[in-house]
Protein backbone atom coordinates (compact mmCIF):
# COMPACT_ATOMS: atom_id res chain seq x y z
CA VAL A 1 -17.21 -15.36 6.01
CA LEU A 2 -19.87 -16.15 8.60
CA GLY A 3 -19.75 -12.82 10.42
CA TYR A 4 -22.61 -11.28 8.47
CA ALA A 5 -24.84 -14.31 9.13
CA THR A 6 -24.29 -14.44 12.90
CA GLN A 7 -27.26 -13.37 14.98
CA CYS A 8 -26.06 -11.21 17.88
CA GLY A 9 -27.57 -9.00 20.53
CA GLY A 10 -28.39 -8.61 24.18
CA ASN A 11 -27.07 -6.42 26.95
CA ALA A 12 -23.89 -6.54 29.02
CA ASN A 13 -22.99 -9.72 30.89
CA GLY A 14 -25.07 -11.85 28.53
CA GLN A 15 -28.42 -10.44 29.63
CA LYS A 16 -31.52 -10.43 27.44
CA SER A 17 -32.32 -7.05 25.89
CA THR A 18 -35.59 -5.43 24.85
CA SER A 19 -34.56 -2.66 22.47
CA SER A 20 -30.75 -2.57 22.29
CA THR A 21 -28.77 -1.92 19.12
CA THR A 22 -24.99 -2.29 19.17
CA ILE A 23 -23.15 -1.54 15.93
CA PHE A 24 -19.57 -2.63 15.23
CA ASN A 25 -17.94 -0.45 12.57
CA ASN A 26 -15.45 -1.59 9.93
CA GLU A 27 -17.00 -5.06 9.92
CA PRO A 28 -18.30 -6.93 6.83
CA GLY A 29 -22.07 -6.67 7.24
CA TYR A 30 -24.57 -7.51 4.51
CA ARG A 31 -23.68 -4.99 1.77
CA SER A 32 -22.50 -2.76 4.57
CA THR A 33 -19.29 -1.79 6.36
CA SER A 34 -20.70 -2.50 9.81
CA ILE A 35 -22.44 -5.33 11.65
CA THR A 36 -25.53 -4.53 13.70
CA CYS A 37 -26.31 -6.62 16.79
CA SER A 38 -29.98 -6.06 17.58
CA LEU A 39 -31.62 -9.44 18.18
CA ASN A 40 -33.72 -8.55 21.22
CA GLY A 41 -36.00 -10.68 23.35
CA HIS A 42 -33.63 -13.66 23.43
CA THR A 43 -31.00 -14.59 26.01
CA PRO A 44 -27.53 -14.65 24.41
CA GLY A 45 -25.76 -17.99 24.46
CA TYR A 46 -25.59 -21.40 22.84
CA TYR A 47 -27.95 -21.59 19.82
CA GLY A 48 -29.10 -18.07 20.62
CA PRO A 49 -27.74 -14.61 19.83
CA MET A 50 -23.99 -14.18 20.21
CA SER A 51 -23.38 -12.08 23.29
CA ILE A 52 -21.92 -8.61 22.89
CA GLU A 53 -18.96 -9.65 25.07
CA ASN A 54 -18.10 -12.41 22.60
CA PHE A 55 -18.63 -10.12 19.64
CA LYS A 56 -16.25 -7.62 21.22
CA LYS A 57 -13.62 -10.40 21.29
CA LEU A 58 -14.28 -11.18 17.63
CA ASN A 59 -14.19 -7.52 16.72
CA GLU A 60 -10.85 -6.74 18.39
CA ALA A 61 -9.16 -9.80 16.85
CA TYR A 62 -10.63 -8.92 13.45
CA GLN A 63 -9.50 -5.28 13.63
CA ILE A 64 -5.95 -6.31 14.59
CA LEU A 65 -5.81 -8.71 11.64
CA GLN A 66 -7.27 -6.13 9.25
CA THR A 67 -4.74 -3.49 10.30
CA ALA A 68 -1.85 -5.94 9.90
CA LEU A 69 -3.11 -7.15 6.50
CA LYS A 70 -3.35 -3.59 5.25
CA LYS A 71 0.27 -3.00 6.26
CA GLY A 72 1.39 -6.27 4.68
CA LEU A 73 2.06 -9.62 6.31
CA PRO A 74 5.36 -9.85 8.19
CA ALA A 75 8.05 -12.36 7.30
CA LEU A 76 7.83 -15.54 9.35
CA LYS A 77 10.97 -14.74 11.32
CA GLU A 78 10.09 -11.08 11.91
CA ASN A 79 9.02 -10.29 15.48
CA ASN A 80 10.02 -6.67 15.99
CA ARG A 81 7.18 -4.99 14.09
CA THR A 82 4.18 -3.33 15.73
CA VAL A 83 0.95 -1.74 14.52
CA ASN A 84 -1.48 0.79 15.98
CA VAL A 85 -5.12 -0.29 15.84
CA THR A 86 -8.18 1.97 16.21
CA TYR A 87 -11.79 0.85 16.04
CA THR A 88 -15.23 2.03 17.15
CA TYR A 89 -18.62 0.67 18.08
CA THR A 90 -21.86 2.34 19.15
CA CYS A 91 -24.74 1.58 21.50
CA SER A 92 -28.31 2.85 21.33
CA GLY A 93 -31.75 1.84 22.54
CA SER A 94 -33.45 1.85 25.90
CA HIS A 95 -31.43 0.20 28.71
CA ASN A 96 -28.54 -0.71 26.38
CA ASP A 97 -25.60 -0.95 28.79
CA ASN A 98 -23.01 -2.40 26.40
CA CYS A 99 -21.24 0.99 26.28
CA SER A 100 -21.82 1.89 29.93
CA GLN A 101 -19.08 2.99 32.30
CA GLN A 102 -19.34 -0.39 34.00
CA ALA A 103 -18.85 -2.25 30.71
CA THR A 104 -15.98 -0.13 29.38
CA GLY A 105 -14.30 1.15 32.55
CA VAL A 106 -14.26 4.81 31.45
CA ASN A 107 -14.60 7.48 34.11
CA ASN A 108 -17.40 9.37 32.34
CA GLN A 109 -20.00 8.31 29.78
CA ASN A 110 -19.58 11.53 27.82
CA GLY A 111 -15.94 12.49 27.35
CA GLY A 112 -14.46 9.92 29.69
CA THR A 113 -11.41 7.76 29.02
CA LYS A 114 -9.55 4.78 30.42
CA THR A 115 -5.93 3.85 29.69
CA GLU A 116 -4.21 0.58 30.51
CA THR A 117 -0.86 -0.92 29.62
CA LYS A 118 -0.08 -4.60 29.07
CA ASN A 119 2.98 -6.58 28.07
CA ILE A 120 2.08 -8.81 25.13
CA ASP A 121 4.73 -11.01 23.54
CA GLY A 122 7.45 -8.75 24.90
CA LYS A 123 5.80 -5.59 23.55
CA THR A 124 4.29 -2.80 25.66
CA VAL A 125 0.74 -2.31 24.39
CA THR A 126 -1.18 0.77 25.52
CA THR A 127 -4.97 0.69 25.18
CA THR A 128 -7.02 3.87 25.47
CA ILE A 129 -10.81 3.62 25.59
CA SER A 130 -12.77 6.83 24.92
CA SER A 131 -16.50 7.38 25.31
CA LYS A 132 -18.77 10.10 23.96
CA VAL A 133 -22.52 10.61 23.69
CA VAL A 134 -23.94 11.77 20.35
CA ASP A 135 -27.35 13.46 20.46
CA SER A 136 -30.02 12.43 17.98
CA THR A 137 -30.07 15.95 16.50
CA ALA A 138 -26.28 16.30 16.23
CA LYS A 139 -24.90 17.29 12.84
CA GLY A 140 -23.80 14.26 10.86
CA ASN A 141 -25.82 11.81 12.95
CA THR A 142 -27.31 9.69 10.18
CA LEU A 143 -28.88 7.27 12.68
CA LYS A 144 -31.17 10.03 14.02
CA VAL A 145 -31.10 8.44 17.48
CA SER A 146 -28.95 9.25 20.49
CA TYR A 147 -26.08 6.84 20.98
CA THR A 148 -22.82 6.30 22.82
CA GLU A 149 -19.69 5.82 20.71
CA ILE A 150 -16.74 3.89 22.09
CA THR A 151 -13.30 4.29 20.50
CA ASN A 152 -10.55 1.81 21.28
CA GLU A 153 -6.96 2.79 20.45
CA LEU A 154 -4.32 0.09 20.78
CA ASN A 155 -0.74 1.32 20.37
CA GLY A 156 2.26 -0.98 19.96
CA VAL A 157 0.36 -4.17 19.09
CA PRO A 158 2.74 -7.00 18.05
CA ASP A 159 2.80 -7.55 14.30
CA SER A 160 4.36 -10.99 14.19
CA ALA A 161 3.17 -14.11 12.42
CA GLN A 162 2.63 -15.95 15.70
CA PHE A 163 0.59 -13.13 17.28
CA LEU A 164 -1.57 -12.72 14.17
CA LEU A 165 -2.21 -16.46 14.10
CA ALA A 166 -3.33 -16.17 17.73
CA GLN A 167 -5.90 -13.58 16.63
CA ALA A 168 -7.14 -15.92 13.91
CA SER A 169 -7.41 -18.65 16.52
CA THR A 170 -9.44 -16.31 18.75
CA LEU A 171 -11.88 -15.72 15.89
CA ILE A 172 -12.59 -19.35 15.08
CA ASN A 173 -12.50 -20.61 18.68
CA THR A 174 -14.87 -17.89 19.92
CA ILE A 175 -17.34 -18.73 17.15
CA ASN A 176 -17.07 -22.44 17.91
CA THR A 177 -17.41 -22.09 21.69
CA ALA A 178 -20.18 -19.48 21.65
CA CYS A 179 -22.04 -21.44 18.94
CA PRO A 180 -24.67 -18.78 18.16
CA PHE A 181 -27.71 -19.12 15.95
CA PHE A 182 -27.32 -18.04 12.32
CA SER A 183 -29.74 -17.41 9.49
CA VAL A 184 -29.18 -16.34 5.88
CA ASN A 185 -31.38 -15.73 2.87
CA ASN A 186 -29.72 -17.05 -0.27
CA GLN A 187 -30.00 -14.60 -3.15
CA HIS A 188 -30.84 -15.64 -6.70
CA GLY A 189 -27.69 -15.69 -8.80
CA GLY A 190 -25.41 -15.63 -5.77
CA PRO A 191 -23.60 -18.33 -3.80
CA GLN A 192 -25.93 -20.69 -1.97
CA MET A 193 -25.13 -21.39 1.67
CA GLU A 194 -26.18 -24.78 2.99
CA PRO A 195 -27.72 -25.04 5.50
CA THR A 196 -29.33 -21.60 5.66
CA ARG A 197 -30.00 -21.61 9.40
CA GLY A 198 -28.85 -23.42 12.50
CA LYS A 199 -25.95 -23.11 14.93
CA LEU A 200 -22.50 -22.01 13.76
CA CYS A 201 -20.67 -24.79 15.58
CA GLY A 202 -22.63 -27.15 13.32
CA PHE A 203 -20.09 -26.38 10.58
CA THR A 204 -17.82 -29.00 12.14
CA ASN A 205 -15.80 -29.88 9.03
CA GLU A 206 -15.19 -26.25 8.14
CA ILE A 207 -14.24 -25.23 11.68
CA SER A 208 -11.95 -28.23 12.14
CA ALA A 209 -10.21 -27.50 8.83
CA ILE A 210 -9.62 -23.86 9.73
CA GLN A 211 -8.34 -24.81 13.18
CA LYS A 212 -5.95 -27.29 11.57
CA MET A 213 -4.69 -24.65 9.14
CA ILE A 214 -3.97 -22.30 12.03
CA THR A 215 -2.24 -25.03 14.05
CA ASP A 216 -0.12 -26.04 11.05
CA ALA A 217 0.81 -22.42 10.42
CA GLN A 218 1.75 -21.91 14.08
CA GLU A 219 4.02 -24.96 13.94
CA LEU A 220 5.51 -23.62 10.72
CA VAL A 221 6.44 -20.41 12.53
CA ASN A 222 7.93 -22.49 15.35
CA GLN A 223 10.16 -24.24 12.80
CA THR A 224 11.26 -20.82 11.55
CA SER A 225 12.30 -19.99 15.12
CA ALA A 226 14.29 -23.23 15.21
CA ILE A 227 16.17 -22.18 12.08
CA ASN A 228 16.85 -18.73 13.54
CA SER A 229 18.25 -20.25 16.73
CA ASN A 230 20.55 -22.50 14.67
CA GLU A 231 21.68 -19.72 12.34
CA GLN A 232 25.39 -19.99 11.53
CA THR A 233 27.13 -16.63 11.87
CA THR A 234 30.79 -17.65 11.96
CA PRO A 235 32.84 -18.95 9.00
CA VAL A 236 33.09 -22.70 8.52
CA GLY A 237 36.21 -23.86 10.32
CA SER A 238 36.09 -20.66 12.39
CA SER A 239 39.69 -19.88 11.41
CA GLY A 240 39.82 -17.85 8.25
CA GLY A 241 37.93 -20.21 5.97
CA LYS A 242 39.81 -23.48 6.45
CA PRO A 243 38.11 -26.60 5.02
CA PHE A 244 35.19 -27.99 7.02
CA ASN A 245 36.34 -30.51 9.64
CA PRO A 246 33.52 -32.77 10.97
CA PHE A 247 35.47 -33.38 14.18
CA THR A 248 36.28 -29.80 15.14
CA ASP A 249 33.17 -28.27 13.55
CA ALA A 250 30.58 -30.65 15.04
CA LYS A 251 28.40 -27.79 16.30
CA PHE A 252 28.14 -26.37 12.81
CA ALA A 253 27.19 -29.79 11.43
CA GLN A 254 24.48 -30.15 14.08
CA SER A 255 23.11 -26.74 13.15
CA MET A 256 23.00 -27.73 9.48
CA LEU A 257 21.08 -30.92 10.31
CA ALA A 258 18.66 -29.04 12.58
CA ASN A 259 18.03 -26.46 9.86
CA ALA A 260 17.51 -29.13 7.21
CA SER A 261 15.02 -30.93 9.44
CA ALA A 262 13.15 -27.70 10.20
CA GLN A 263 13.02 -26.72 6.53
CA ALA A 264 11.66 -30.14 5.57
CA LYS A 265 8.92 -29.78 8.19
CA MET A 266 8.15 -26.27 6.94
CA LEU A 267 7.75 -27.43 3.35
CA ASN A 268 5.42 -30.21 4.48
CA LEU A 269 3.38 -27.87 6.68
CA ALA A 270 3.09 -25.26 3.92
CA HIS A 271 1.77 -27.99 1.62
CA GLN A 272 -0.74 -29.08 4.28
CA VAL A 273 -2.02 -25.52 4.78
CA GLY A 274 -2.86 -25.28 1.09
CA GLN A 275 -4.32 -28.77 0.74
CA THR A 276 -6.67 -28.39 3.71
CA ILE A 277 -9.03 -26.19 1.67
CA ASN A 278 -8.16 -27.39 -1.83
CA PRO A 279 -11.59 -27.86 -3.50
CA ASP A 280 -10.26 -30.93 -5.33
CA ASN A 281 -10.00 -32.66 -1.95
CA LEU A 282 -13.47 -31.67 -0.71
CA THR A 283 -17.07 -32.76 -1.16
CA GLY A 284 -20.58 -31.68 -0.20
CA ASN A 285 -21.33 -28.59 1.87
CA PHE A 286 -17.66 -28.10 2.75
CA LYS A 287 -16.70 -27.84 -0.93
CA ASN A 288 -19.62 -25.46 -1.50
CA PHE A 289 -18.45 -23.37 1.48
CA VAL A 290 -14.95 -23.02 0.00
CA THR A 291 -15.89 -22.41 -3.63
CA GLY A 292 -18.94 -20.25 -2.90
CA PHE A 293 -17.69 -18.19 0.02
CA LEU A 294 -14.13 -18.75 1.26
CA ALA A 295 -12.43 -18.18 -2.09
CA THR A 296 -14.67 -15.69 -3.86
CA CYS A 297 -12.54 -12.56 -4.03
CA ASN A 298 -12.80 -12.35 -7.79
CA ASN A 299 -16.30 -13.73 -8.27
CA LYS A 300 -18.86 -11.50 -9.94
CA SER A 301 -20.68 -9.30 -7.44
CA THR A 302 -24.20 -10.37 -6.50
CA ALA A 303 -25.18 -6.70 -6.08
CA GLY A 304 -25.48 -6.17 -9.82
CA THR A 305 -22.88 -3.40 -9.78
CA GLY A 306 -20.61 -5.02 -12.33
CA GLY A 307 -17.79 -5.34 -9.81
CA THR A 308 -16.43 -8.34 -7.96
CA GLN A 309 -16.92 -9.82 -4.52
CA GLY A 310 -14.37 -9.20 -1.81
CA SER A 311 -12.01 -6.34 -1.08
CA ALA A 312 -8.32 -5.57 -0.85
CA PRO A 313 -6.42 -6.94 2.18
CA GLY A 314 -7.20 -4.92 5.29
CA THR A 315 -10.10 -3.04 3.70
CA VAL A 316 -13.81 -3.47 4.42
CA THR A 317 -16.28 -2.47 1.70
CA THR A 318 -19.92 -3.23 0.97
CA GLN A 319 -18.67 -6.22 -1.06
CA THR A 320 -16.56 -7.81 1.69
CA PHE A 321 -19.42 -9.76 3.28
CA ALA A 322 -19.64 -13.50 2.54
CA SER A 323 -16.34 -13.30 0.67
CA GLY A 324 -13.58 -15.23 2.34
CA CYS A 325 -10.70 -13.59 0.48
CA ALA A 326 -8.45 -16.23 1.98
CA TYR A 327 -5.46 -15.22 -0.19
CA VAL A 328 -4.24 -18.80 0.06
CA LYS A 329 -2.04 -18.60 -3.06
CA GLN A 330 -0.39 -15.38 -1.88
CA THR A 331 0.13 -16.86 1.58
CA LEU A 332 1.73 -20.00 0.19
CA ASP A 333 3.95 -17.91 -2.10
CA ASN A 334 5.09 -15.94 0.98
CA LEU A 335 5.77 -19.19 2.81
CA ASP A 336 7.81 -20.56 -0.09
CA ASN A 337 9.82 -17.34 -0.28
CA SER A 338 10.42 -17.39 3.48
CA ILE A 339 11.53 -21.01 3.38
């Protein structure tokens, strides 16, 4: 929701830039499918531009979530799925070193690559970083300036509820810790953000609520794991279907109680996730944030195109910006079905 309003820029390692432009593709910019970081002349940091390093963190987490959403959210107990994620960003401008060999680790600025393998949540994830230089006169170069394009390919990324929640946590915690400056111009006839400028960590109620939703959802997944570990696979009585005997079948009874307790916690947590951003429970700027931005997938477009705000899960369009598309109802339905 706040991505398009975040002011970002600078050079590598949080240094002030003079003429650097770094563009992150497949991001919800203002009526665009990319976000441009080009606030020069200011040192990135608290109440300043978000550094490119921090935006790279945001971008990778966002791209993983988008890819998973497009595929369809996994069941809470599912932990064997993986996805392949590919995303790009570009760097241009004098002395812009955000795509340099030092920043990316590639062996050559034009045509170089770097491959690394990590074990994440029991999955082998291979990341390949590719770099190429595009000349200003190259065919198809709509920017008309020379730039370096970085492509990141992540193969075998975990597609589990817990890992995806970790990406969501990375998004909100990076925004909160970096606390960059933001500024928006409210459009006539569109949702009105309040305040229109300041520091992102100033949205304390909103950030706290989102963090709580993520924490509740993570605990919900933990309760699912508890149910899986207590799953009963042998017949009651363990001897051809004899009647249940509380003395000889104590382990089964304990499993039933553990499952019942976990399911009760899951139902309560699922309710909490929904109620955290229920407009009926909110007031002031927080309520405006939810009704005007976080839950505006079907609101009339402010672009005058006759369409609606937002986009399908996992898809970035020119109408994605400032539209939270939280899919809370669908998420809660999935939780209920899983429980």
